[in-house]
């Protein structure tokens, strides 16, 4: 049996069979977190942290009393700061009979996003995972060989539609400026 670190990860056309149409979709998978199957996990090679949104944290059945305080603020593209709290959870990547699990610290944040969690670089490095957007696939070494998790294009489209609806609602709720002739000077 090969050592996990000696295994070579490659992607082939066979890995792309589940891709229904060529696109530039994000890699969104489902996996176990704290023994619960969680859908809408965004695999983000650019994220410096693993993020779990509070609504998903609670749906998993975990209570906020077990969260440890974080002393730092998390900043995103919008520049808004979120005060997170951390919690160590285990994540299982599985493709029967190949599975692997690790314990990670997820930053739990209370905000509304179309995903349940974001699996960032810390988890990807720890898993030894490699991703391919062309194949909508993530592969990782296990003791039984290379495992893989495929992205779910239907979930990606649903997430995209939810984000569009939110932006339309935000735009509709924005205050309207009066026409120039009605403006007070």
Protein backbone atom coordinates (compact mmCIF):
# COMPACT_ATOMS: atom_id res chain seq x y z
CA UNK A 1 0.00 0.00 0.00
CA UNK A 2 1.47 3.41 -0.97
CA UNK A 3 2.10 6.03 1.68
CA UNK A 4 -0.41 8.84 1.52
CA UNK A 5 2.30 11.40 0.76
CA UNK A 6 3.67 9.35 -2.15
CA UNK A 7 0.40 9.25 -4.09
CA UNK A 8 0.19 11.19 -7.34
CA UNK A 9 -3.01 13.14 -7.99
CA UNK A 10 -4.02 13.58 -11.64
CA UNK A 11 -7.22 14.64 -13.36
CA UNK A 12 -8.50 13.04 -16.56
CA UNK A 13 -11.45 13.38 -18.91
CA UNK A 14 -13.11 10.60 -16.93
CA UNK A 15 -13.28 13.00 -13.96
CA UNK A 16 -15.26 15.49 -16.08
CA UNK A 17 -18.08 13.07 -16.95
CA UNK A 18 -20.31 14.62 -14.31
CA UNK A 19 -19.87 18.11 -15.76
CA UNK A 20 -23.11 18.63 -17.68
CA UNK A 21 -22.07 21.76 -19.53
CA UNK A 22 -18.87 23.72 -19.79
CA UNK A 23 -18.84 26.60 -17.40
CA UNK A 24 -16.81 28.56 -14.94
CA UNK A 25 -18.72 27.28 -11.92
CA UNK A 26 -17.34 27.33 -8.43
CA UNK A 27 -16.51 24.01 -6.80
CA UNK A 28 -19.40 23.31 -4.43
CA UNK A 29 -19.47 19.90 -2.74
CA UNK A 30 -21.13 18.10 0.11
CA UNK A 31 -19.34 16.31 2.92
CA UNK A 32 -19.64 15.35 6.56
CA UNK A 33 -18.95 17.94 9.24
CA UNK A 34 -19.31 16.72 12.83
CA UNK A 35 -20.99 13.54 11.57
CA UNK A 36 -23.69 15.45 9.66
CA UNK A 37 -23.88 15.62 5.87
CA UNK A 38 -23.56 19.27 4.88
CA UNK A 39 -24.38 20.50 1.36
CA UNK A 40 -23.32 23.76 -0.28
CA UNK A 41 -19.68 23.66 0.83
CA UNK A 42 -17.72 26.13 -1.26
CA UNK A 43 -14.18 24.90 -1.87
CA UNK A 44 -12.17 28.11 -2.04
CA UNK A 45 -8.44 27.89 -2.73
CA UNK A 46 -8.21 31.63 -2.05
CA UNK A 47 -9.67 31.67 1.45
CA UNK A 48 -7.19 31.96 4.33
CA UNK A 49 -9.70 30.49 6.79
CA UNK A 50 -12.29 27.74 6.97
CA UNK A 51 -15.66 29.40 7.55
CA UNK A 52 -18.85 27.90 8.90
CA UNK A 53 -21.92 30.10 8.90
CA UNK A 54 -23.84 30.22 12.16
CA UNK A 55 -27.10 29.03 10.60
CA UNK A 56 -25.36 25.87 9.34
CA UNK A 57 -23.55 25.46 12.67
CA UNK A 58 -26.90 25.40 14.45
CA UNK A 59 -28.48 23.06 11.85
CA UNK A 60 -25.66 20.59 12.50
CA UNK A 61 -26.98 20.56 16.07
CA UNK A 62 -24.15 22.41 17.78
CA UNK A 63 -24.78 25.05 20.41
CA UNK A 64 -23.16 28.45 20.65
CA UNK A 65 -22.18 27.76 24.27
CA UNK A 66 -19.38 25.52 22.97
CA UNK A 67 -17.81 28.24 20.85
CA UNK A 68 -14.54 29.81 21.89
CA UNK A 69 -14.09 33.56 21.46
CA UNK A 70 -11.88 34.89 18.67
CA UNK A 71 -9.87 38.04 19.23
CA UNK A 72 -9.51 38.98 15.57
CA UNK A 73 -11.89 40.40 13.00
CA UNK A 74 -12.56 38.76 9.65
CA UNK A 75 -12.64 41.09 6.64
CA UNK A 76 -14.03 40.28 3.21
CA UNK A 77 -14.22 41.97 -0.16
CA UNK A 78 -16.87 44.41 1.04
CA UNK A 79 -14.54 45.71 3.75
CA UNK A 80 -17.08 44.95 6.45
CA UNK A 81 -15.67 43.35 9.56
CA UNK A 82 -17.22 40.31 11.23
CA UNK A 83 -16.36 39.26 14.75
CA UNK A 84 -15.98 35.48 14.52
CA UNK A 85 -15.75 32.72 17.10
CA UNK A 86 -13.81 29.49 16.53
CA UNK A 87 -14.77 25.88 17.06
CA UNK A 88 -12.84 22.73 16.34
CA UNK A 89 -14.90 20.32 14.21
CA UNK A 90 -14.02 17.32 12.14
CA UNK A 91 -14.57 17.11 8.41
CA UNK A 92 -14.80 13.84 6.50
CA UNK A 93 -14.05 13.66 2.80
CA UNK A 94 -15.50 10.44 1.46
CA UNK A 95 -15.66 8.38 -1.69
CA UNK A 96 -16.43 4.84 -0.54
CA UNK A 97 -14.19 3.00 0.27
CA UNK A 98 -11.80 5.97 0.32
CA UNK A 99 -12.28 8.41 3.13
CA UNK A 100 -10.23 10.67 5.30
CA UNK A 101 -11.07 12.97 8.16
CA UNK A 102 -9.28 15.76 9.94
CA UNK A 103 -10.00 18.14 12.77
CA UNK A 104 -10.08 21.80 11.79
CA UNK A 105 -10.82 25.08 13.37
CA UNK A 106 -13.69 26.71 11.56
CA UNK A 107 -14.40 30.38 12.03
CA UNK A 108 -18.10 30.61 12.81
CA UNK A 109 -19.67 33.85 11.59
CA UNK A 110 -23.19 35.20 11.71
CA UNK A 111 -24.00 36.50 8.28
CA UNK A 112 -26.20 35.50 5.40
CA UNK A 113 -24.57 33.75 2.47
CA UNK A 114 -25.83 31.16 0.01
CA UNK A 115 -23.26 28.59 1.19
CA UNK A 116 -23.23 26.68 4.47
CA UNK A 117 -19.46 26.67 4.79
CA UNK A 118 -16.28 27.64 2.99
CA UNK A 119 -13.48 25.10 2.95
CA UNK A 120 -10.35 27.22 2.59
CA UNK A 121 -6.64 26.66 2.10
CA UNK A 122 -5.94 25.48 5.67
CA UNK A 123 -8.20 22.44 5.20
CA UNK A 124 -7.11 21.81 1.61
CA UNK A 125 -3.45 21.78 2.63
CA UNK A 126 -4.12 19.51 5.59
CA UNK A 127 -6.07 17.07 3.41
CA UNK A 128 -3.36 17.22 0.74
CA UNK A 129 -6.22 18.00 -1.63
CA UNK A 130 -5.97 19.18 -5.22
CA UNK A 131 -8.86 20.84 -7.05
CA UNK A 132 -9.77 21.20 -10.70
CA UNK A 133 -12.47 23.63 -11.77
CA UNK A 134 -12.52 22.18 -15.31
CA UNK A 135 -13.43 18.81 -13.83
CA UNK A 136 -15.45 20.24 -10.90
CA UNK A 137 -13.57 17.80 -8.72
CA UNK A 138 -11.39 17.67 -5.63
CA UNK A 139 -9.00 14.76 -5.07
CA UNK A 140 -7.16 13.78 -1.91
CA UNK A 141 -4.91 10.96 -0.74
CA UNK A 142 -6.28 8.27 1.58
CA UNK A 143 -4.84 5.03 2.90
CA UNK A 144 -6.95 3.18 0.29
CA UNK A 145 -5.76 5.33 -2.65
CA UNK A 146 -6.84 8.65 -4.16
CA UNK A 147 -10.34 9.71 -3.16
CA UNK A 148 -12.43 12.31 -4.94
CA UNK A 149 -15.40 14.52 -4.33
CA UNK A 150 -17.28 15.91 -7.31
CA UNK A 151 -18.87 19.32 -7.43
CA UNK A 152 -22.63 19.67 -7.76
CA UNK A 153 -23.59 21.96 -10.65
CA UNK A 154 -27.23 22.04 -9.59
CA UNK A 155 -26.26 23.37 -6.14
CA UNK A 156 -23.94 25.93 -7.74
CA UNK A 157 -26.79 27.24 -9.91
CA UNK A 158 -29.10 27.42 -6.89
CA UNK A 159 -26.47 29.35 -4.93
CA UNK A 160 -25.99 31.70 -7.86
CA UNK A 161 -29.76 32.30 -8.15
CA UNK A 162 -30.00 33.02 -4.41
CA UNK A 163 -27.16 35.56 -4.68
CA UNK A 164 -28.90 37.25 -7.63
CA UNK A 165 -32.16 37.50 -5.70
CA UNK A 166 -30.32 39.04 -2.74
CA UNK A 167 -28.64 41.65 -4.95
CA UNK A 168 -31.98 42.53 -6.55
CA UNK A 169 -33.58 42.90 -3.10
CA UNK A 170 -30.71 45.08 -1.90
CA UNK A 171 -30.95 47.23 -5.03
CA UNK A 172 -34.73 47.58 -4.62
CA UNK A 173 -34.34 48.57 -0.95
CA UNK A 174 -31.71 51.22 -1.69
CA UNK A 175 -32.95 54.80 -1.29
CA UNK A 176 -33.86 56.43 -4.58
CA UNK A 177 -32.40 59.80 -5.37
CA UNK A 178 -34.97 62.38 -6.45
CA UNK A 179 -34.70 63.73 -10.00
CA UNK A 180 -32.26 66.69 -10.29
CA UNK A 181 -35.02 69.31 -10.56
CA UNK A 182 -36.52 68.23 -7.22
CA UNK A 183 -33.26 68.29 -5.30
CA UNK A 184 -32.84 70.93 -2.65
CA UNK A 185 -29.77 73.14 -2.86
